[in-house]
């Protein structure tokens, strides 16, 4: 398959993407320190993406935002249960219960070249099946102690090739890795 799957996400220093109840208040508070013109490369990244793939919990969290952040970009929500799609999003958001491998194959057949994989459980399932090509992880200087982890159990080690690290004056640190499929 000629398709790339990427992760672009923020975590606490101890590796959590949300509190146990799914709240991201700590991230919203941290973002208040970020200059308005700083997007951490997200604009260029999202412009390179053909389709977003996220889990139900992430989708419901994004629906709670003031504005839908993805415009007309196609979004596939992975869920085994039914999800109500707001009418305004019915042209761009679809729901799938496909296994990650099957979904990636189907999206590749439709011409997709770059997938943005979002949401803890979805990222974990794609990693477990060897479907993640690169990760951009921005670490926020806070320890939560508990919450929803970015990474879960893996059937084997996932070797990474470090591509870049950027430290920001307001304390965030962004790391970029490529998953090494040759080790």
C-alpha atoms as a PDB file:
ATOM      1  CA  UNK A   1       0.000   0.000   0.000  1.00  0.00           C
ATOM      2  CA  UNK A   2       1.243   3.426  -0.902  1.00  0.00           C
ATOM      3  CA  UNK A   3      -0.301   5.218   2.062  1.00  0.00           C
ATOM      4  CA  UNK A   4       1.222   6.892   5.112  1.00  0.00           C
ATOM      5  CA  UNK A   5      -0.334   7.083   8.575  1.00  0.00           C
ATOM      6  CA  UNK A   6       0.796   9.791  10.989  1.00  0.00           C
ATOM      7  CA  UNK A   7       0.128  10.782  14.582  1.00  0.00           C
ATOM      8  CA  UNK A   8       0.150  14.454  15.632  1.00  0.00           C
ATOM      9  CA  UNK A   9      -0.755  14.768  19.302  1.00  0.00           C
ATOM     10  CA  UNK A  10       0.051  16.386  22.650  1.00  0.00           C
ATOM     11  CA  UNK A  11       0.721  14.533  25.895  1.00  0.00           C
ATOM     12  CA  UNK A  12       1.531  15.372  29.475  1.00  0.00           C
ATOM     13  CA  UNK A  13       5.140  14.726  30.482  1.00  0.00           C
ATOM     14  CA  UNK A  14       4.000  11.422  31.987  1.00  0.00           C
ATOM     15  CA  UNK A  15       2.398  10.317  28.704  1.00  0.00           C
ATOM     16  CA  UNK A  16      -1.310  11.014  29.164  1.00  0.00           C
ATOM     17  CA  UNK A  17      -3.538  12.544  26.477  1.00  0.00           C
ATOM     18  CA  UNK A  18      -6.527  13.185  28.755  1.00  0.00           C
ATOM     19  CA  UNK A  19      -7.682  12.850  32.335  1.00  0.00           C
ATOM     20  CA  UNK A  20      -9.431   9.564  33.274  1.00  0.00           C
ATOM     21  CA  UNK A  21     -12.813  11.166  32.470  1.00  0.00           C
ATOM     22  CA  UNK A  22     -11.573  12.448  29.099  1.00  0.00           C
ATOM     23  CA  UNK A  23     -11.153  16.090  30.097  1.00  0.00           C
ATOM     24  CA  UNK A  24      -8.291  18.038  28.495  1.00  0.00           C
ATOM     25  CA  UNK A  25      -8.537  21.144  30.700  1.00  0.00           C
ATOM     26  CA  UNK A  26      -4.804  20.887  31.453  1.00  0.00           C
ATOM     27  CA  UNK A  27      -4.033  21.149  27.711  1.00  0.00           C
ATOM     28  CA  UNK A  28      -6.434  24.036  27.203  1.00  0.00           C
ATOM     29  CA  UNK A  29      -4.781  25.894  30.133  1.00  0.00           C
ATOM     30  CA  UNK A  30      -1.296  25.187  28.760  1.00  0.00           C
ATOM     31  CA  UNK A  31      -2.342  26.484  25.331  1.00  0.00           C
ATOM     32  CA  UNK A  32      -3.105  29.859  26.895  1.00  0.00           C
ATOM     33  CA  UNK A  33       0.693  30.380  27.133  1.00  0.00           C
ATOM     34  CA  UNK A  34       1.208  29.747  23.409  1.00  0.00           C
ATOM     35  CA  UNK A  35       1.646  32.801  21.150  1.00  0.00           C
ATOM     36  CA  UNK A  36      -1.228  33.219  18.664  1.00  0.00           C
ATOM     37  CA  UNK A  37       1.005  32.708  15.639  1.00  0.00           C
ATOM     38  CA  UNK A  38       2.452  29.367  16.880  1.00  0.00           C
ATOM     39  CA  UNK A  39       0.774  26.239  15.505  1.00  0.00           C
ATOM     40  CA  UNK A  40       3.649  23.753  16.030  1.00  0.00           C
ATOM     41  CA  UNK A  41       3.613  22.880  12.324  1.00  0.00           C
ATOM     42  CA  UNK A  42       0.006  21.714  12.497  1.00  0.00           C
ATOM     43  CA  UNK A  43      -1.146  23.866   9.564  1.00  0.00           C
ATOM     44  CA  UNK A  44       1.377  22.312   7.189  1.00  0.00           C
ATOM     45  CA  UNK A  45       0.718  18.860   8.635  1.00  0.00           C
ATOM     46  CA  UNK A  46      -3.082  18.984   8.271  1.00  0.00           C
ATOM     47  CA  UNK A  47      -2.730  20.399   4.745  1.00  0.00           C
ATOM     48  CA  UNK A  48      -0.786  17.235   3.809  1.00  0.00           C
ATOM     49  CA  UNK A  49      -3.487  14.911   5.194  1.00  0.00           C
ATOM     50  CA  UNK A  50      -6.182  13.336   2.999  1.00  0.00           C
ATOM     51  CA  UNK A  51      -8.304  11.673   5.690  1.00  0.00           C
ATOM     52  CA  UNK A  52      -8.510  11.824   9.491  1.00  0.00           C
ATOM     53  CA  UNK A  53      -9.203   8.610  11.389  1.00  0.00           C
ATOM     54  CA  UNK A  54     -10.281   8.977  15.014  1.00  0.00           C
ATOM     55  CA  UNK A  55     -12.143   7.122  17.701  1.00  0.00           C
ATOM     56  CA  UNK A  56     -15.600   7.858  19.060  1.00  0.00           C
ATOM     57  CA  UNK A  57     -14.281   9.488  22.242  1.00  0.00           C
ATOM     58  CA  UNK A  58     -12.066  11.872  20.270  1.00  0.00           C
ATOM     59  CA  UNK A  59     -14.927  12.663  17.898  1.00  0.00           C
ATOM     60  CA  UNK A  60     -17.259  13.474  20.784  1.00  0.00           C
ATOM     61  CA  UNK A  61     -14.567  15.663  22.366  1.00  0.00           C
ATOM     62  CA  UNK A  62     -14.042  17.577  19.103  1.00  0.00           C
ATOM     63  CA  UNK A  63     -17.818  18.045  18.775  1.00  0.00           C
ATOM     64  CA  UNK A  64     -17.723  19.904  22.111  1.00  0.00           C
ATOM     65  CA  UNK A  65     -15.337  22.526  20.659  1.00  0.00           C
ATOM     66  CA  UNK A  66     -16.769  25.873  19.622  1.00  0.00           C
ATOM     67  CA  UNK A  67     -15.907  25.252  15.948  1.00  0.00           C
ATOM     68  CA  UNK A  68     -15.359  22.099  13.878  1.00  0.00           C
ATOM     69  CA  UNK A  69     -11.579  22.278  13.289  1.00  0.00           C
ATOM     70  CA  UNK A  70     -11.281  20.091  10.176  1.00  0.00           C
ATOM     71  CA  UNK A  71     -13.311  22.037   7.623  1.00  0.00           C
ATOM     72  CA  UNK A  72     -14.230  19.809   4.684  1.00  0.00           C
ATOM     73  CA  UNK A  73     -11.452  17.275   5.349  1.00  0.00           C
ATOM     74  CA  UNK A  74     -12.917  13.727   5.354  1.00  0.00           C
ATOM     75  CA  UNK A  75     -13.094  12.176   8.832  1.00  0.00           C
ATOM     76  CA  UNK A  76     -13.659   8.490   9.597  1.00  0.00           C
ATOM     77  CA  UNK A  77     -14.784   7.726  13.142  1.00  0.00           C
ATOM     78  CA  UNK A  78     -13.944   4.191  14.246  1.00  0.00           C
ATOM     79  CA  UNK A  79     -16.624   2.776  16.505  1.00  0.00           C
ATOM     80  CA  UNK A  80     -18.388  -0.504  17.101  1.00  0.00           C
ATOM     81  CA  UNK A  81     -21.524   1.311  18.270  1.00  0.00           C
ATOM     82  CA  UNK A  82     -23.728   3.737  16.404  1.00  0.00           C
ATOM     83  CA  UNK A  83     -22.822   7.406  16.445  1.00  0.00           C
ATOM     84  CA  UNK A  84     -25.000  10.374  15.699  1.00  0.00           C
ATOM     85  CA  UNK A  85     -23.379  12.593  13.083  1.00  0.00           C
ATOM     86  CA  UNK A  86     -24.607  16.205  13.158  1.00  0.00           C
ATOM     87  CA  UNK A  87     -26.319  17.094   9.850  1.00  0.00           C
ATOM     88  CA  UNK A  88     -23.743  19.837   9.140  1.00  0.00           C
ATOM     89  CA  UNK A  89     -20.999  17.173   9.128  1.00  0.00           C
ATOM     90  CA  UNK A  90     -22.823  14.396   7.275  1.00  0.00           C
ATOM     91  CA  UNK A  91     -20.972  15.108   4.009  1.00  0.00           C
ATOM     92  CA  UNK A  92     -17.478  14.816   5.538  1.00  0.00           C
ATOM     93  CA  UNK A  93     -17.801  12.488   8.559  1.00  0.00           C
ATOM     94  CA  UNK A  94     -18.430   8.754   8.265  1.00  0.00           C
ATOM     95  CA  UNK A  95     -18.431   5.917  10.781  1.00  0.00           C
ATOM     96  CA  UNK A  96     -16.640   2.604  10.338  1.00  0.00           C
ATOM     97  CA  UNK A  97     -16.203  -0.537  12.402  1.00  0.00           C
ATOM     98  CA  UNK A  98     -13.498  -1.920  10.087  1.00  0.00           C
ATOM     99  CA  UNK A  99     -10.255  -3.296  11.470  1.00  0.00           C
ATOM    100  CA  UNK A 100      -7.393  -0.813  10.982  1.00  0.00           C
ATOM    101  CA  UNK A 101      -5.751  -2.908   8.218  1.00  0.00           C
ATOM    102  CA  UNK A 102      -9.020  -3.117   6.268  1.00  0.00           C
ATOM    103  CA  UNK A 103      -9.759   0.584   6.693  1.00  0.00           C
ATOM    104  CA  UNK A 104      -6.289   1.607   5.504  1.00  0.00           C
ATOM    105  CA  UNK A 105      -6.610  -0.691   2.461  1.00  0.00           C
ATOM    106  CA  UNK A 106     -10.038   0.752   1.619  1.00  0.00           C
ATOM    107  CA  UNK A 107      -8.856   4.355   1.993  1.00  0.00           C
ATOM    108  CA  UNK A 108      -5.795   3.611  -0.154  1.00  0.00           C
ATOM    109  CA  UNK A 109      -8.118   2.266  -2.867  1.00  0.00           C
ATOM    110  CA  UNK A 110     -10.013   5.583  -2.828  1.00  0.00           C
ATOM    111  CA  UNK A 111      -6.754   7.447  -3.495  1.00  0.00           C
ATOM    112  CA  UNK A 112      -5.868   8.556   0.030  1.00  0.00           C
ATOM    113  CA  UNK A 113      -2.103   8.955   0.474  1.00  0.00           C
ATOM    114  CA  UNK A 114      -1.793  10.386   4.007  1.00  0.00           C
ATOM    115  CA  UNK A 115      -3.912   9.498   7.053  1.00  0.00           C
ATOM    116  CA  UNK A 116      -3.963  11.426  10.335  1.00  0.00           C
ATOM    117  CA  UNK A 117      -4.581   8.923  13.128  1.00  0.00           C
ATOM    118  CA  UNK A 118      -6.001  10.472  16.308  1.00  0.00           C
ATOM    119  CA  UNK A 119      -7.307   9.243  19.644  1.00  0.00           C
ATOM    120  CA  UNK A 120      -5.544   7.043  22.165  1.00  0.00           C
ATOM    121  CA  UNK A 121      -7.212   3.706  21.484  1.00  0.00           C
ATOM    122  CA  UNK A 122      -7.141   4.198  17.708  1.00  0.00           C
ATOM    123  CA  UNK A 123      -3.450   5.144  17.776  1.00  0.00           C
ATOM    124  CA  UNK A 124      -2.762   2.090  19.949  1.00  0.00           C
ATOM    125  CA  UNK A 125      -4.623  -0.254  17.595  1.00  0.00           C
ATOM    126  CA  UNK A 126      -2.819   1.138  14.525  1.00  0.00           C
ATOM    127  CA  UNK A 127       0.547   0.786  16.306  1.00  0.00           C
ATOM    128  CA  UNK A 128      -0.260  -2.801  17.295  1.00  0.00           C
ATOM    129  CA  UNK A 129      -0.872  -3.625  13.625  1.00  0.00           C
ATOM    130  CA  UNK A 130       2.279  -1.832  12.415  1.00  0.00           C
ATOM    131  CA  UNK A 131       0.283   0.841  10.579  1.00  0.00           C
ATOM    132  CA  UNK A 132       1.844   4.021  12.005  1.00  0.00           C
ATOM    133  CA  UNK A 133       4.645   5.542   9.930  1.00  0.00           C
ATOM    134  CA  UNK A 134       5.523   8.631  11.943  1.00  0.00           C
ATOM    135  CA  UNK A 135       4.716  10.388  15.192  1.00  0.00           C
ATOM    136  CA  UNK A 136       4.813  14.061  16.117  1.00  0.00           C
ATOM    137  CA  UNK A 137       4.349  14.318  19.871  1.00  0.00           C
ATOM    138  CA  UNK A 138       4.283  17.632  21.693  1.00  0.00           C
ATOM    139  CA  UNK A 139       5.027  17.190  25.387  1.00  0.00           C
ATOM    140  CA  UNK A 140       3.331  19.638  27.747  1.00  0.00           C
ATOM    141  CA  UNK A 141       5.196  20.402  30.993  1.00  0.00           C
ATOM    142  CA  UNK A 142       2.675  18.930  33.427  1.00  0.00           C
ATOM    143  CA  UNK A 143       2.437  15.661  35.347  1.00  0.00           C
ATOM    144  CA  UNK A 144      -1.116  14.315  35.562  1.00  0.00           C
ATOM    145  CA  UNK A 145      -0.322  11.149  37.508  1.00  0.00           C
ATOM    146  CA  UNK A 146      -3.220   9.285  35.921  1.00  0.00           C
ATOM    147  CA  UNK A 147      -5.366   9.466  32.836  1.00  0.00           C
ATOM    148  CA  UNK A 148      -5.745   8.079  29.342  1.00  0.00           C
ATOM    149  CA  UNK A 149      -2.295   7.028  28.100  1.00  0.00           C
ATOM    150  CA  UNK A 150      -1.104   7.668  24.579  1.00  0.00           C
ATOM    151  CA  UNK A 151       0.546   4.262  24.378  1.00  0.00           C
ATOM    152  CA  UNK A 152      -0.734   0.896  25.517  1.00  0.00           C
ATOM    153  CA  UNK A 153       0.477  -2.671  25.395  1.00  0.00           C
ATOM    154  CA  UNK A 154       2.265  -3.732  22.237  1.00  0.00           C
ATOM    155  CA  UNK A 155       2.923  -7.244  20.918  1.00  0.00           C
ATOM    156  CA  UNK A 156       6.566  -6.302  20.273  1.00  0.00           C
ATOM    157  CA  UNK A 157       8.937  -3.355  20.515  1.00  0.00           C
ATOM    158  CA  UNK A 158       8.357  -0.500  18.076  1.00  0.00           C
ATOM    159  CA  UNK A 159      11.768   0.947  17.174  1.00  0.00           C
ATOM    160  CA  UNK A 160      11.720   4.639  16.305  1.00  0.00           C
ATOM    161  CA  UNK A 161      14.092   6.805  14.319  1.00  0.00           C
ATOM    162  CA  UNK A 162      14.426  10.257  15.904  1.00  0.00           C
ATOM    163  CA  UNK A 163      13.945  12.973  13.279  1.00  0.00           C
ATOM    164  CA  UNK A 164      13.813  16.206  15.283  1.00  0.00           C
ATOM    165  CA  UNK A 165      13.232  17.817  18.653  1.00  0.00           C
ATOM    166  CA  UNK A 166      12.169  21.408  19.135  1.00  0.00           C
ATOM    167  CA  UNK A 167      11.985  23.105  22.528  1.00  0.00           C
ATOM    168  CA  UNK A 168       9.716  26.132  22.832  1.00  0.00           C
ATOM    169  CA  UNK A 169      10.424  29.033  25.187  1.00  0.00           C
ATOM    170  CA  UNK A 170       7.070  28.484  26.939  1.00  0.00           C
ATOM    171  CA  UNK A 171       8.054  24.936  27.940  1.00  0.00           C
ATOM    172  CA  UNK A 172       6.563  22.666  25.288  1.00  0.00           C
ATOM    173  CA  UNK A 173       8.865  20.133  23.599  1.00  0.00           C
ATOM    174  CA  UNK A 174       7.980  18.587  20.255  1.00  0.00           C
ATOM    175  CA  UNK A 175       9.542  15.296  19.173  1.00  0.00           C
ATOM    176  CA  UNK A 176       9.293  13.797  15.697  1.00  0.00           C
ATOM    177  CA  UNK A 177       9.916  10.121  15.007  1.00  0.00           C
ATOM    178  CA  UNK A 178       9.635   7.734  12.085  1.00  0.00           C
ATOM    179  CA  UNK A 179       8.679   4.167  12.863  1.00  0.00           C
ATOM    180  CA  UNK A 180      11.606   2.013  11.771  1.00  0.00           C
ATOM    181  CA  UNK A 181      10.193  -0.984   9.926  1.00  0.00           C
ATOM    182  CA  UNK A 182      13.648  -2.379   9.119  1.00  0.00           C
ATOM    183  CA  UNK A 183      14.962  -3.139  12.601  1.00  0.00           C
END
